[in-house]
Amino acid sequence: MNVTINGTARELPAGATVTQAVRTLTELSGGVAVAVNDEVVSRGSWDSTTLAEADRVEVLTAVQGG
């Protein structure tokens, strides 16, 4: 299935979860926030939230610095 992750079209297997989408960008789980179709998905729901064709996923990571 085709989804858009951070503005880039990606191919994921049917039934892919938010966790799988995040892992296409980073292995980190801490300091990461995710929204699917403009709705924030809580970290505890990543494994149970499945994606659908044409979903838009935004993955944001916290950056530390000063």
PDB file of N, CA and C in Angstrom:
ATOM      1  N   MET A   1       0.847  -1.167   0.000  1.00  0.00           N
ATOM      2  CA  MET A   1       0.000   0.000   0.000  1.00  0.00           C
ATOM      3  C   MET A   1       0.892   1.229   0.000  1.00  0.00           C
ATOM      4  N   ASN A   2       0.390   2.317  -0.536  1.00  0.00           N
ATOM      5  CA  ASN A   2       1.136   3.561  -0.606  1.00  0.00           C
ATOM      6  C   ASN A   2       0.680   4.523   0.482  1.00  0.00           C
ATOM      7  N   VAL A   3       1.630   5.040   1.236  1.00  0.00           N
ATOM      8  CA  VAL A   3       1.369   6.068   2.238  1.00  0.00           C
ATOM      9  C   VAL A   3       2.406   7.173   2.039  1.00  0.00           C
ATOM     10  N   THR A   4       2.138   8.321   2.613  1.00  0.00           N
ATOM     11  CA  THR A   4       3.088   9.420   2.560  1.00  0.00           C
ATOM     12  C   THR A   4       3.653   9.618   3.951  1.00  0.00           C
ATOM     13  N   ILE A   5       4.972   9.529   4.087  1.00  0.00           N
ATOM     14  CA  ILE A   5       5.630   9.705   5.375  1.00  0.00           C
ATOM     15  C   ILE A   5       6.545  10.920   5.261  1.00  0.00           C
ATOM     16  N   ASN A   6       6.249  11.927   6.056  1.00  0.00           N
ATOM     17  CA  ASN A   6       7.010  13.183   6.035  1.00  0.00           C
ATOM     18  C   ASN A   6       7.156  13.731   4.618  1.00  0.00           C
ATOM     19  N   GLY A   7       6.064  13.656   3.859  1.00  0.00           N
ATOM     20  CA  GLY A   7       6.038  14.240   2.534  1.00  0.00           C
ATOM     21  C   GLY A   7       6.585  13.375   1.417  1.00  0.00           C
ATOM     22  N   THR A   8       7.046  12.171   1.740  1.00  0.00           N
ATOM     23  CA  THR A   8       7.623  11.274   0.743  1.00  0.00           C
ATOM     24  C   THR A   8       6.752  10.029   0.596  1.00  0.00           C
ATOM     25  N   ALA A   9       6.418   9.681  -0.635  1.00  0.00           N
ATOM     26  CA  ALA A   9       5.625   8.474  -0.892  1.00  0.00           C
ATOM     27  C   ALA A   9       6.452   7.249  -0.527  1.00  0.00           C
ATOM     28  N   ARG A  10       5.825   6.343   0.191  1.00  0.00           N
ATOM     29  CA  ARG A  10       6.490   5.094   0.600  1.00  0.00           C
ATOM     30  C   ARG A  10       5.544   3.927   0.377  1.00  0.00           C
ATOM     31  N   GLU A  11       6.128   2.794   0.082  1.00  0.00           N
ATOM     32  CA  GLU A  11       5.377   1.553  -0.070  1.00  0.00           C
ATOM     33  C   GLU A  11       5.527   0.758   1.217  1.00  0.00           C
ATOM     34  N   LEU A  12       4.406   0.416   1.845  1.00  0.00           N
ATOM     35  CA  LEU A  12       4.401  -0.413   3.049  1.00  0.00           C
ATOM     36  C   LEU A  12       3.497  -1.614   2.804  1.00  0.00           C
ATOM     37  N   PRO A  13       3.728  -2.703   3.522  1.00  0.00           N
ATOM     38  CA  PRO A  13       2.845  -3.864   3.352  1.00  0.00           C
ATOM     39  C   PRO A  13       1.431  -3.561   3.851  1.00  0.00           C
ATOM     40  N   ALA A  14       0.453  -4.198   3.261  1.00  0.00           N
ATOM     41  CA  ALA A  14      -0.929  -4.040   3.717  1.00  0.00           C
ATOM     42  C   ALA A  14      -1.008  -4.369   5.198  1.00  0.00           C
ATOM     43  N   GLY A  15      -1.744  -3.561   5.951  1.00  0.00           N
ATOM     44  CA  GLY A  15      -1.892  -3.793   7.380  1.00  0.00           C
ATOM     45  C   GLY A  15      -0.743  -3.261   8.209  1.00  0.00           C
ATOM     46  N   ALA A  16       0.147  -2.488   7.601  1.00  0.00           N
ATOM     47  CA  ALA A  16       1.286  -1.928   8.336  1.00  0.00           C
ATOM     48  C   ALA A  16       0.791  -1.033   9.464  1.00  0.00           C
ATOM     49  N   THR A  17       1.566  -1.002  10.532  1.00  0.00           N
ATOM     50  CA  THR A  17       1.208  -0.195  11.697  1.00  0.00           C
ATOM     51  C   THR A  17       2.032   1.093  11.730  1.00  0.00           C
ATOM     52  N   VAL A  18       1.648   1.970  12.634  1.00  0.00           N
ATOM     53  CA  VAL A  18       2.407   3.196  12.839  1.00  0.00           C
ATOM     54  C   VAL A  18       3.853   2.854  13.223  1.00  0.00           C
ATOM     55  N   THR A  19       4.045   1.847  14.046  1.00  0.00           N
ATOM     56  CA  THR A  19       5.398   1.436  14.432  1.00  0.00           C
ATOM     57  C   THR A  19       6.242   1.122  13.207  1.00  0.00           C
ATOM     58  N   GLN A  20       5.684   0.384  12.261  1.00  0.00           N
ATOM     59  CA  GLN A  20       6.425   0.037  11.047  1.00  0.00           C
ATOM     60  C   GLN A  20       6.748   1.289  10.227  1.00  0.00           C
ATOM     61  N   ALA A  21       5.834   2.227  10.170  1.00  0.00           N
ATOM     62  CA  ALA A  21       6.083   3.471   9.444  1.00  0.00           C
ATOM     63  C   ALA A  21       7.215   4.260  10.089  1.00  0.00           C
ATOM     64  N   VAL A  22       7.207   4.343  11.403  1.00  0.00           N
ATOM     65  CA  VAL A  22       8.261   5.069  12.119  1.00  0.00           C
ATOM     66  C   VAL A  22       9.606   4.419  11.848  1.00  0.00           C
ATOM     67  N   ARG A  23       9.657   3.111  11.832  1.00  0.00           N
ATOM     68  CA  ARG A  23      10.925   2.399  11.630  1.00  0.00           C
ATOM     69  C   ARG A  23      11.512   2.583  10.237  1.00  0.00           C
ATOM     70  N   THR A  24      10.716   3.080   9.294  1.00  0.00           N
ATOM     71  CA  THR A  24      11.288   3.380   7.980  1.00  0.00           C
ATOM     72  C   THR A  24      12.195   4.605   8.052  1.00  0.00           C
ATOM     73  N   LEU A  25      12.038   5.391   9.134  1.00  0.00           N
ATOM     74  CA  LEU A  25      12.839   6.609   9.297  1.00  0.00           C
ATOM     75  C   LEU A  25      13.856   6.517  10.418  1.00  0.00           C
ATOM     76  N   THR A  26      13.497   5.851  11.523  1.00  0.00           N
ATOM     77  CA  THR A  26      14.369   5.822  12.690  1.00  0.00           C
ATOM     78  C   THR A  26      14.082   4.606  13.544  1.00  0.00           C
ATOM     79  N   GLU A  27      15.100   4.133  14.250  1.00  0.00           N
ATOM     80  CA  GLU A  27      14.922   3.044  15.206  1.00  0.00           C
ATOM     81  C   GLU A  27      14.555   3.584  16.587  1.00  0.00           C
ATOM     82  N   LEU A  28      14.631   4.898  16.757  1.00  0.00           N
ATOM     83  CA  LEU A  28      14.296   5.524  18.042  1.00  0.00           C
ATOM     84  C   LEU A  28      12.810   5.406  18.320  1.00  0.00           C
ATOM     85  N   SER A  29      12.458   5.287  19.582  1.00  0.00           N
ATOM     86  CA  SER A  29      11.046   5.369  19.958  1.00  0.00           C
ATOM     87  C   SER A  29      10.840   6.507  20.946  1.00  0.00           C
ATOM     88  N   GLY A  30      11.877   6.825  21.722  1.00  0.00           N
ATOM     89  CA  GLY A  30      11.791   7.948  22.646  1.00  0.00           C
ATOM     90  C   GLY A  30      12.028   9.250  21.908  1.00  0.00           C
ATOM     91  N   GLY A  31      11.333  10.285  22.315  1.00  0.00           N
ATOM     92  CA  GLY A  31      11.506  11.577  21.684  1.00  0.00           C
ATOM     93  C   GLY A  31      10.916  11.657  20.287  1.00  0.00           C
ATOM     94  N   VAL A  32       9.962  10.774  19.994  1.00  0.00           N
ATOM     95  CA  VAL A  32       9.334  10.733  18.677  1.00  0.00           C
ATOM     96  C   VAL A  32       7.832  10.941  18.846  1.00  0.00           C
ATOM     97  N   ALA A  33       7.264  11.792  18.009  1.00  0.00           N
ATOM     98  CA  ALA A  33       5.814  12.005  17.981  1.00  0.00           C
ATOM     99  C   ALA A  33       5.321  11.694  16.578  1.00  0.00           C
ATOM    100  N   VAL A  34       4.090  11.175  16.508  1.00  0.00           N
ATOM    101  CA  VAL A  34       3.531  10.773  15.220  1.00  0.00           C
ATOM    102  C   VAL A  34       2.100  11.290  15.088  1.00  0.00           C
ATOM    103  N   ALA A  35       1.790  11.772  13.896  1.00  0.00           N
ATOM    104  CA  ALA A  35       0.416  12.131  13.551  1.00  0.00           C
ATOM    105  C   ALA A  35       0.054  11.401  12.260  1.00  0.00           C
ATOM    106  N   VAL A  36      -1.153  10.880  12.214  1.00  0.00           N
ATOM    107  CA  VAL A  36      -1.676  10.233  11.013  1.00  0.00           C
ATOM    108  C   VAL A  36      -2.885  11.041  10.561  1.00  0.00           C
ATOM    109  N   ASN A  37      -2.812  11.539   9.358  1.00  0.00           N
ATOM    110  CA  ASN A  37      -3.886  12.373   8.816  1.00  0.00           C
ATOM    111  C   ASN A  37      -4.232  13.514   9.773  1.00  0.00           C
ATOM    112  N   ASP A  38      -3.195  14.154  10.295  1.00  0.00           N
ATOM    113  CA  ASP A  38      -3.298  15.334  11.169  1.00  0.00           C
ATOM    114  C   ASP A  38      -3.823  15.041  12.567  1.00  0.00           C
ATOM    115  N   GLU A  39      -3.883  13.773  12.969  1.00  0.00           N
ATOM    116  CA  GLU A  39      -4.298  13.417  14.326  1.00  0.00           C
ATOM    117  C   GLU A  39      -3.156  12.705  15.028  1.00  0.00           C
ATOM    118  N   VAL A  40      -2.786  13.221  16.204  1.00  0.00           N
ATOM    119  CA  VAL A  40      -1.676  12.646  16.969  1.00  0.00           C
ATOM    120  C   VAL A  40      -2.041  11.235  17.417  1.00  0.00           C
ATOM    121  N   VAL A  41      -1.073  10.327  17.290  1.00  0.00           N
ATOM    122  CA  VAL A  41      -1.249   8.940  17.730  1.00  0.00           C
ATOM    123  C   VAL A  41      -0.352   8.745  18.945  1.00  0.00           C
ATOM    124  N   SER A  42      -0.927   8.391  20.083  1.00  0.00           N
ATOM    125  CA  SER A  42      -0.135   8.208  21.302  1.00  0.00           C
ATOM    126  C   SER A  42       0.820   7.037  21.151  1.00  0.00           C
ATOM    127  N   ARG A  43       1.954   7.121  21.817  1.00  0.00           N
ATOM    128  CA  ARG A  43       2.990   6.087  21.723  1.00  0.00           C
ATOM    129  C   ARG A  43       2.431   4.707  22.047  1.00  0.00           C
ATOM    130  N   GLY A  44       1.549   4.620  22.995  1.00  0.00           N
ATOM    131  CA  GLY A  44       0.962   3.341  23.380  1.00  0.00           C
ATOM    132  C   GLY A  44       0.062   2.723  22.322  1.00  0.00           C
ATOM    133  N   SER A  45      -0.308   3.510  21.322  1.00  0.00           N
ATOM    134  CA  SER A  45      -1.205   3.015  20.272  1.00  0.00           C
ATOM    135  C   SER A  45      -0.497   2.706  18.957  1.00  0.00           C
ATOM    136  N   TRP A  46       0.793   2.939  18.881  1.00  0.00           N
ATOM    137  CA  TRP A  46       1.505   2.737  17.618  1.00  0.00           C
ATOM    138  C   TRP A  46       1.365   1.311  17.086  1.00  0.00           C
ATOM    139  N   ASP A  47       1.508   0.313  17.955  1.00  0.00           N
ATOM    140  CA  ASP A  47       1.459  -1.088  17.509  1.00  0.00           C
ATOM    141  C   ASP A  47       0.067  -1.514  17.057  1.00  0.00           C
ATOM    142  N   SER A  48      -0.963  -0.874  17.593  1.00  0.00           N
ATOM    143  CA  SER A  48      -2.328  -1.287  17.271  1.00  0.00           C
ATOM    144  C   SER A  48      -2.999  -0.386  16.241  1.00  0.00           C
ATOM    145  N   THR A  49      -2.327   0.672  15.819  1.00  0.00           N
ATOM    146  CA  THR A  49      -2.905   1.581  14.822  1.00  0.00           C
ATOM    147  C   THR A  49      -2.413   1.188  13.439  1.00  0.00           C
ATOM    148  N   THR A  50      -3.328   0.659  12.643  1.00  0.00           N
ATOM    149  CA  THR A  50      -2.957   0.249  11.292  1.00  0.00           C
ATOM    150  C   THR A  50      -3.189   1.401  10.318  1.00  0.00           C
ATOM    151  N   LEU A  51      -2.388   1.414   9.297  1.00  0.00           N
ATOM    152  CA  LEU A  51      -2.470   2.450   8.282  1.00  0.00           C
ATOM    153  C   LEU A  51      -3.290   1.957   7.101  1.00  0.00           C
ATOM    154  N   ALA A  52      -3.845   2.913   6.359  1.00  0.00           N
ATOM    155  CA  ALA A  52      -4.638   2.594   5.174  1.00  0.00           C
ATOM    156  C   ALA A  52      -4.010   3.269   3.962  1.00  0.00           C
ATOM    157  N   GLU A  53      -4.380   2.798   2.802  1.00  0.00           N
ATOM    158  CA  GLU A  53      -3.918   3.381   1.547  1.00  0.00           C
ATOM    159  C   GLU A  53      -4.096   4.902   1.568  1.00  0.00           C
ATOM    160  N   ALA A  54      -3.054   5.609   1.158  1.00  0.00           N
ATOM    161  CA  ALA A  54      -3.048   7.071   1.018  1.00  0.00           C
ATOM    162  C   ALA A  54      -3.021   7.838   2.340  1.00  0.00           C
ATOM    163  N   ASP A  55      -2.798   7.151   3.471  1.00  0.00           N
ATOM    164  CA  ASP A  55      -2.660   7.868   4.741  1.00  0.00           C
ATOM    165  C   ASP A  55      -1.443   8.783   4.684  1.00  0.00           C
ATOM    166  N   ARG A  56      -1.517   9.885   5.430  1.00  0.00           N
ATOM    167  CA  ARG A  56      -0.405  10.824   5.556  1.00  0.00           C
ATOM    168  C   ARG A  56       0.141  10.703   6.973  1.00  0.00           C
ATOM    169  N   VAL A  57       1.402  10.346   7.087  1.00  0.00           N
ATOM    170  CA  VAL A  57       2.053  10.143   8.383  1.00  0.00           C
ATOM    171  C   VAL A  57       3.142  11.196   8.551  1.00  0.00           C
ATOM    172  N   GLU A  58       3.137  11.864   9.686  1.00  0.00           N
ATOM    173  CA  GLU A  58       4.198  12.816  10.026  1.00  0.00           C
ATOM    174  C   GLU A  58       4.924  12.271  11.247  1.00  0.00           C
ATOM    175  N   VAL A  59       6.226  12.111  11.131  1.00  0.00           N
ATOM    176  CA  VAL A  59       7.063  11.609  12.226  1.00  0.00           C
ATOM    177  C   VAL A  59       8.007  12.735  12.619  1.00  0.00           C
ATOM    178  N   LEU A  60       7.908  13.163  13.872  1.00  0.00           N
ATOM    179  CA  LEU A  60       8.731  14.252  14.382  1.00  0.00           C
ATOM    180  C   LEU A  60       9.632  13.727  15.484  1.00  0.00           C
ATOM    181  N   THR A  61      10.896  14.112  15.438  1.00  0.00           N
ATOM    182  CA  THR A  61      11.819  13.710  16.477  1.00  0.00           C
ATOM    183  C   THR A  61      12.314  14.938  17.223  1.00  0.00           C
ATOM    184  N   ALA A  62      12.494  14.786  18.529  1.00  0.00           N
ATOM    185  CA  ALA A  62      13.002  15.867  19.350  1.00  0.00           C
ATOM    186  C   ALA A  62      14.500  16.030  19.087  1.00  0.00           C
ATOM    187  N   VAL A  63      14.922  17.275  18.989  1.00  0.00           N
ATOM    188  CA  VAL A  63      16.337  17.575  18.772  1.00  0.00           C
ATOM    189  C   VAL A  63      16.832  18.372  19.961  1.00  0.00           C
ATOM    190  N   GLN A  64      17.930  17.923  20.519  1.00  0.00           N
ATOM    191  CA  GLN A  64      18.487  18.599  21.685  1.00  0.00           C
ATOM    192  C   GLN A  64      19.655  19.467  21.242  1.00  0.00           C
ATOM    193  N   GLY A  65      19.750  20.608  21.817  1.00  0.00           N
ATOM    194  CA  GLY A  65      20.849  21.490  21.471  1.00  0.00           C
ATOM    195  C   GLY A  65      20.686  22.832  22.160  1.00  0.00           C
ATOM    196  N   GLY A  66      21.607  23.700  21.894  1.00  0.00           N
ATOM    197  CA  GLY A  66      21.476  24.981  22.569  1.00  0.00           C
ATOM    198  C   GLY A  66      22.159  26.090  21.872  1.00  0.00           C
TER     199      GLY A  66
END
